[in-house]
Amino acid sequence: MLIRYKRSFEKIAMGLLSFMPGEKDVKQLQQTMKSYEMDEDRQLFLWKDGEDIVGAIGVLKTDDQVQIEHISVNPSHRDQGIGKEMVLAVEEIFKTKTLIPNELTQGFFHKCHSESN
């Protein structure tokens, strides 16, 4: 189940985002988290599996598009379709906009869409 990020989930979200290339540095990761908290065009969602938060997906909204900036799943929960479910859930939330990947998420994004065809 996809839920909106809340500050009380900051440590969990930072842990998940730290699996992304470019987010290994703590200062960079803190800056990324701050941008999700302060910039209303950026939104971070978390994937809850039972009581556990096992995934994160962050987006940047523009007038007609939503770009996936980050997508990460806890390594012990990978290969279960959670990443694809997060992408599909974000598509449903922003169904009036075109969902696109950024450079870091494009490989996974295209893999998700090729599997669903």
N, C-alpha and C. Protein backbone atom coordinates (compact mmCIF):
# COMPACT_ATOMS: atom_id res chain seq x y z
N MET A 1 0.84 -1.18 0.00
CA MET A 1 0.00 0.00 0.00
C MET A 1 0.89 1.24 0.00
N LEU A 2 0.62 2.17 -0.89
CA LEU A 2 1.38 3.40 -1.00
C LEU A 2 0.84 4.44 -0.03
N ILE A 3 1.73 5.04 0.76
CA ILE A 3 1.32 6.09 1.70
C ILE A 3 2.20 7.32 1.48
N ARG A 4 1.68 8.50 1.81
CA ARG A 4 2.47 9.73 1.71
C ARG A 4 3.51 9.75 2.81
N TYR A 5 4.67 10.28 2.49
CA TYR A 5 5.75 10.44 3.46
C TYR A 5 5.33 11.41 4.55
N LYS A 6 5.65 11.06 5.78
CA LYS A 6 5.50 11.95 6.93
C LYS A 6 6.86 12.04 7.62
N ARG A 7 7.11 13.14 8.27
CA ARG A 7 8.41 13.36 8.92
C ARG A 7 8.74 12.24 9.92
N SER A 8 7.73 11.64 10.53
CA SER A 8 7.98 10.57 11.49
C SER A 8 8.62 9.35 10.83
N PHE A 9 8.58 9.28 9.50
CA PHE A 9 9.19 8.17 8.75
C PHE A 9 10.55 8.56 8.17
N GLU A 10 11.12 9.67 8.62
CA GLU A 10 12.33 10.20 8.01
C GLU A 10 13.49 9.20 7.98
N LYS A 11 13.78 8.55 9.09
CA LYS A 11 14.92 7.63 9.15
C LYS A 11 14.71 6.43 8.21
N ILE A 12 13.51 5.91 8.17
CA ILE A 12 13.20 4.78 7.29
C ILE A 12 13.34 5.23 5.83
N ALA A 13 12.79 6.40 5.50
CA ALA A 13 12.86 6.91 4.13
C ALA A 13 14.31 7.16 3.73
N MET A 14 15.10 7.73 4.62
CA MET A 14 16.51 7.98 4.31
C MET A 14 17.25 6.66 4.07
N GLY A 15 16.94 5.66 4.88
CA GLY A 15 17.56 4.35 4.69
C GLY A 15 17.24 3.77 3.33
N LEU A 16 15.98 3.87 2.92
CA LEU A 16 15.57 3.35 1.61
C LEU A 16 16.20 4.14 0.47
N LEU A 17 16.20 5.46 0.58
CA LEU A 17 16.76 6.29 -0.48
C LEU A 17 18.28 6.13 -0.59
N SER A 18 18.92 5.72 0.49
CA SER A 18 20.38 5.56 0.47
C SER A 18 20.81 4.43 -0.47
N PHE A 19 19.89 3.58 -0.90
CA PHE A 19 20.21 2.54 -1.88
C PHE A 19 20.32 3.09 -3.30
N MET A 20 19.85 4.33 -3.50
CA MET A 20 19.90 4.95 -4.83
C MET A 20 21.30 5.47 -5.12
N PRO A 21 21.77 5.32 -6.36
CA PRO A 21 23.05 5.95 -6.73
C PRO A 21 22.95 7.46 -6.50
N GLY A 22 23.99 8.05 -5.98
CA GLY A 22 23.98 9.49 -5.74
C GLY A 22 23.43 9.89 -4.40
N GLU A 23 22.91 8.93 -3.64
CA GLU A 23 22.34 9.24 -2.32
C GLU A 23 23.11 8.55 -1.21
N LYS A 24 24.35 8.14 -1.50
CA LYS A 24 25.16 7.45 -0.48
C LYS A 24 25.70 8.43 0.56
N ASP A 25 25.99 9.66 0.14
CA ASP A 25 26.53 10.68 1.02
C ASP A 25 25.43 11.22 1.94
N VAL A 26 25.69 11.27 3.23
CA VAL A 26 24.68 11.68 4.21
C VAL A 26 24.19 13.10 3.95
N LYS A 27 25.11 14.00 3.64
CA LYS A 27 24.71 15.40 3.38
C LYS A 27 23.78 15.48 2.17
N GLN A 28 24.12 14.75 1.10
CA GLN A 28 23.28 14.73 -0.09
C GLN A 28 21.90 14.14 0.24
N LEU A 29 21.89 13.08 1.01
CA LEU A 29 20.65 12.43 1.40
C LEU A 29 19.77 13.38 2.24
N GLN A 30 20.38 14.09 3.15
CA GLN A 30 19.64 15.06 3.97
C GLN A 30 19.06 16.17 3.10
N GLN A 31 19.82 16.61 2.10
CA GLN A 31 19.35 17.64 1.18
C GLN A 31 18.16 17.12 0.36
N THR A 32 18.25 15.87 -0.08
CA THR A 32 17.16 15.25 -0.83
C THR A 32 15.89 15.19 0.03
N MET A 33 16.04 14.76 1.28
CA MET A 33 14.88 14.67 2.17
C MET A 33 14.27 16.05 2.39
N LYS A 34 15.11 17.05 2.58
CA LYS A 34 14.62 18.42 2.79
C LYS A 34 13.84 18.90 1.57
N SER A 35 14.34 18.56 0.37
CA SER A 35 13.64 18.99 -0.84
C SER A 35 12.26 18.34 -0.93
N TYR A 36 12.14 17.09 -0.50
CA TYR A 36 10.81 16.45 -0.51
C TYR A 36 9.89 17.07 0.52
N GLU A 37 10.45 17.55 1.62
CA GLU A 37 9.63 18.17 2.66
C GLU A 37 9.23 19.60 2.32
N MET A 38 10.11 20.34 1.63
CA MET A 38 9.89 21.78 1.42
C MET A 38 9.27 22.14 0.06
N ASP A 39 9.58 21.38 -0.97
CA ASP A 39 9.15 21.71 -2.33
C ASP A 39 7.81 21.02 -2.61
N GLU A 40 6.78 21.81 -2.80
CA GLU A 40 5.45 21.22 -3.00
C GLU A 40 5.32 20.48 -4.33
N ASP A 41 6.25 20.68 -5.26
CA ASP A 41 6.23 19.95 -6.52
C ASP A 41 6.89 18.58 -6.42
N ARG A 42 7.54 18.32 -5.30
CA ARG A 42 8.19 17.02 -5.08
C ARG A 42 7.41 16.28 -4.00
N GLN A 43 7.16 15.01 -4.25
CA GLN A 43 6.44 14.19 -3.27
C GLN A 43 7.14 12.85 -3.12
N LEU A 44 7.17 12.41 -1.87
CA LEU A 44 7.76 11.12 -1.55
C LEU A 44 6.67 10.22 -1.01
N PHE A 45 6.61 9.01 -1.53
CA PHE A 45 5.66 8.02 -1.08
C PHE A 45 6.43 6.82 -0.55
N LEU A 46 5.82 6.14 0.40
CA LEU A 46 6.43 4.94 0.97
C LEU A 46 5.50 3.77 0.73
N TRP A 47 6.08 2.58 0.57
CA TRP A 47 5.30 1.36 0.36
C TRP A 47 5.27 0.58 1.66
N LYS A 48 4.06 0.36 2.15
CA LYS A 48 3.87 -0.36 3.41
C LYS A 48 3.41 -1.77 3.10
N ASP A 49 4.13 -2.74 3.64
CA ASP A 49 3.79 -4.15 3.49
C ASP A 49 3.51 -4.67 4.89
N GLY A 50 2.22 -4.80 5.23
CA GLY A 50 1.86 -5.14 6.61
C GLY A 50 2.21 -3.97 7.50
N GLU A 51 3.04 -4.22 8.50
CA GLU A 51 3.48 -3.15 9.40
C GLU A 51 4.79 -2.52 8.97
N ASP A 52 5.46 -3.11 7.98
CA ASP A 52 6.79 -2.65 7.58
C ASP A 52 6.74 -1.73 6.37
N ILE A 53 7.60 -0.72 6.39
CA ILE A 53 7.80 0.13 5.22
C ILE A 53 9.00 -0.43 4.48
N VAL A 54 8.76 -0.88 3.25
CA VAL A 54 9.79 -1.62 2.52
C VAL A 54 10.21 -0.95 1.21
N GLY A 55 9.57 0.16 0.84
CA GLY A 55 9.91 0.82 -0.41
C GLY A 55 9.65 2.30 -0.35
N ALA A 56 10.29 3.02 -1.27
CA ALA A 56 10.09 4.47 -1.40
C ALA A 56 10.12 4.83 -2.87
N ILE A 57 9.27 5.80 -3.23
CA ILE A 57 9.26 6.32 -4.59
C ILE A 57 9.02 7.82 -4.49
N GLY A 58 9.91 8.57 -5.12
CA GLY A 58 9.81 10.03 -5.07
C GLY A 58 9.60 10.58 -6.46
N VAL A 59 8.74 11.60 -6.55
CA VAL A 59 8.39 12.18 -7.84
C VAL A 59 8.52 13.70 -7.84
N LEU A 60 8.70 14.23 -9.04
CA LEU A 60 8.71 15.67 -9.28
C LEU A 60 7.58 15.96 -10.24
N LYS A 61 6.64 16.80 -9.80
CA LYS A 61 5.47 17.13 -10.62
C LYS A 61 5.73 18.40 -11.43
N THR A 62 5.31 18.37 -12.70
CA THR A 62 5.28 19.58 -13.53
C THR A 62 3.84 19.72 -14.01
N ASP A 63 3.60 20.67 -14.90
CA ASP A 63 2.22 20.91 -15.35
C ASP A 63 1.54 19.68 -15.91
N ASP A 64 2.24 18.94 -16.77
CA ASP A 64 1.59 17.81 -17.43
C ASP A 64 2.32 16.48 -17.24
N GLN A 65 3.39 16.49 -16.44
CA GLN A 65 4.16 15.26 -16.24
C GLN A 65 4.49 15.05 -14.77
N VAL A 66 4.76 13.80 -14.45
CA VAL A 66 5.28 13.42 -13.15
C VAL A 66 6.52 12.57 -13.42
N GLN A 67 7.66 13.06 -12.93
CA GLN A 67 8.92 12.36 -13.17
C GLN A 67 9.32 11.56 -11.94
N ILE A 68 9.62 10.29 -12.13
CA ILE A 68 10.09 9.47 -11.02
C ILE A 68 11.56 9.80 -10.79
N GLU A 69 11.83 10.36 -9.61
CA GLU A 69 13.19 10.78 -9.25
C GLU A 69 13.93 9.68 -8.50
N HIS A 70 13.23 8.97 -7.65
CA HIS A 70 13.83 7.92 -6.82
C HIS A 70 12.86 6.74 -6.78
N ILE A 71 13.42 5.55 -6.74
CA ILE A 71 12.63 4.35 -6.47
C ILE A 71 13.56 3.34 -5.83
N SER A 72 13.14 2.84 -4.68
CA SER A 72 14.01 1.94 -3.93
C SER A 72 13.17 0.97 -3.12
N VAL A 73 13.65 -0.27 -3.07
CA VAL A 73 12.99 -1.31 -2.27
C VAL A 73 14.05 -1.92 -1.35
N ASN A 74 13.67 -2.17 -0.12
CA ASN A 74 14.55 -2.84 0.84
C ASN A 74 15.09 -4.11 0.19
N PRO A 75 16.42 -4.34 0.23
CA PRO A 75 16.99 -5.52 -0.44
C PRO A 75 16.34 -6.84 -0.05
N SER A 76 15.89 -6.98 1.19
CA SER A 76 15.27 -8.25 1.59
C SER A 76 13.85 -8.42 1.05
N HIS A 77 13.31 -7.40 0.39
CA HIS A 77 11.97 -7.48 -0.20
C HIS A 77 11.99 -7.32 -1.72
N ARG A 78 13.17 -7.39 -2.31
CA ARG A 78 13.27 -7.23 -3.76
C ARG A 78 12.82 -8.48 -4.49
N ASP A 79 12.57 -8.33 -5.77
CA ASP A 79 12.13 -9.42 -6.65
C ASP A 79 10.77 -9.98 -6.25
N GLN A 80 9.94 -9.12 -5.65
CA GLN A 80 8.58 -9.52 -5.29
C GLN A 80 7.54 -8.65 -6.00
N GLY A 81 8.00 -7.77 -6.90
CA GLY A 81 7.08 -6.91 -7.65
C GLY A 81 6.70 -5.63 -6.94
N ILE A 82 7.36 -5.32 -5.83
CA ILE A 82 6.99 -4.12 -5.05
C ILE A 82 7.32 -2.85 -5.84
N GLY A 83 8.47 -2.79 -6.48
CA GLY A 83 8.83 -1.62 -7.27
C GLY A 83 7.82 -1.34 -8.36
N LYS A 84 7.43 -2.40 -9.07
CA LYS A 84 6.44 -2.25 -10.13
C LYS A 84 5.10 -1.80 -9.56
N GLU A 85 4.71 -2.36 -8.40
CA GLU A 85 3.46 -1.94 -7.77
C GLU A 85 3.50 -0.46 -7.39
N MET A 86 4.66 0.01 -6.93
CA MET A 86 4.79 1.43 -6.58
C MET A 86 4.62 2.31 -7.82
N VAL A 87 5.25 1.91 -8.93
CA VAL A 87 5.12 2.68 -10.17
C VAL A 87 3.66 2.72 -10.61
N LEU A 88 2.98 1.58 -10.57
CA LEU A 88 1.56 1.52 -10.97
C LEU A 88 0.69 2.36 -10.04
N ALA A 89 0.99 2.36 -8.74
CA ALA A 89 0.22 3.15 -7.78
C ALA A 89 0.41 4.64 -8.03
N VAL A 90 1.63 5.05 -8.35
CA VAL A 90 1.89 6.47 -8.66
C VAL A 90 1.17 6.85 -9.96
N GLU A 91 1.17 5.96 -10.94
CA GLU A 91 0.43 6.23 -12.19
C GLU A 91 -1.05 6.45 -11.89
N GLU A 92 -1.59 5.67 -10.97
CA GLU A 92 -3.01 5.80 -10.60
C GLU A 92 -3.28 7.12 -9.88
N ILE A 93 -2.38 7.53 -9.00
CA ILE A 93 -2.55 8.79 -8.26
C ILE A 93 -2.53 9.98 -9.22
N PHE A 94 -1.63 9.94 -10.19
CA PHE A 94 -1.45 11.06 -11.12
C PHE A 94 -1.95 10.69 -12.51
N LYS A 95 -3.10 10.07 -12.60
CA LYS A 95 -3.57 9.52 -13.88
C LYS A 95 -3.82 10.57 -14.96
N THR A 96 -3.95 11.85 -14.60
CA THR A 96 -4.15 12.88 -15.62
C THR A 96 -2.83 13.40 -16.16
N LYS A 97 -1.70 12.93 -15.63
CA LYS A 97 -0.38 13.38 -16.07
C LYS A 97 0.39 12.20 -16.67
N THR A 98 1.38 12.51 -17.47
CA THR A 98 2.24 11.49 -18.06
C THR A 98 3.35 11.17 -17.07
N LEU A 99 3.52 9.90 -16.77
CA LEU A 99 4.58 9.46 -15.86
C LEU A 99 5.83 9.16 -16.67
N ILE A 100 6.95 9.79 -16.27
CA ILE A 100 8.22 9.59 -16.98
C ILE A 100 9.32 9.30 -15.95
N PRO A 101 10.37 8.61 -16.38
CA PRO A 101 11.50 8.37 -15.48
C PRO A 101 12.55 9.48 -15.63
N ASN A 102 13.46 9.56 -14.67
CA ASN A 102 14.65 10.38 -14.87
C ASN A 102 15.78 9.43 -15.30
N GLU A 103 16.97 9.96 -15.40
CA GLU A 103 18.09 9.15 -15.88
C GLU A 103 18.36 7.94 -14.98
N LEU A 104 18.23 8.14 -13.67
CA LEU A 104 18.52 7.05 -12.72
C LEU A 104 17.43 5.99 -12.67
N THR A 105 16.19 6.37 -12.96
CA THR A 105 15.08 5.42 -12.82
C THR A 105 14.59 4.85 -14.15
N GLN A 106 15.17 5.31 -15.27
CA GLN A 106 14.63 4.90 -16.57
C GLN A 106 14.75 3.41 -16.84
N GLY A 107 15.84 2.78 -16.45
CA GLY A 107 15.99 1.34 -16.69
C GLY A 107 14.90 0.55 -16.01
N PHE A 108 14.68 0.84 -14.74
CA PHE A 108 13.65 0.13 -13.99
C PHE A 108 12.26 0.46 -14.52
N PHE A 109 12.02 1.73 -14.82
CA PHE A 109 10.72 2.18 -15.33
C PHE A 109 10.37 1.44 -16.62
N HIS A 110 11.31 1.37 -17.55
CA HIS A 110 11.04 0.70 -18.82
C HIS A 110 10.87 -0.81 -18.63
N LYS A 111 11.59 -1.38 -17.68
CA LYS A 111 11.42 -2.80 -17.37
C LYS A 111 9.99 -3.07 -16.87
N CYS A 112 9.49 -2.19 -16.00
CA CYS A 112 8.13 -2.33 -15.49
C CYS A 112 7.11 -2.29 -16.62
N HIS A 113 7.30 -1.36 -17.54
CA HIS A 113 6.32 -1.21 -18.62
C HIS A 113 6.44 -2.28 -19.69
N SER A 114 7.62 -2.83 -19.88
CA SER A 114 7.74 -3.90 -20.87
C SER A 114 7.13 -5.20 -20.34
N GLU A 115 7.17 -5.39 -19.01
CA GLU A 115 6.58 -6.59 -18.41
C GLU A 115 5.06 -6.56 -18.43
N SER A 116 4.49 -5.34 -18.41
CA SER A 116 3.03 -5.25 -18.33
C SER A 116 2.37 -5.28 -19.70
N ASN A 117 3.17 -5.30 -20.77
CA ASN A 117 2.60 -5.35 -22.12
C ASN A 117 2.52 -6.76 -22.63
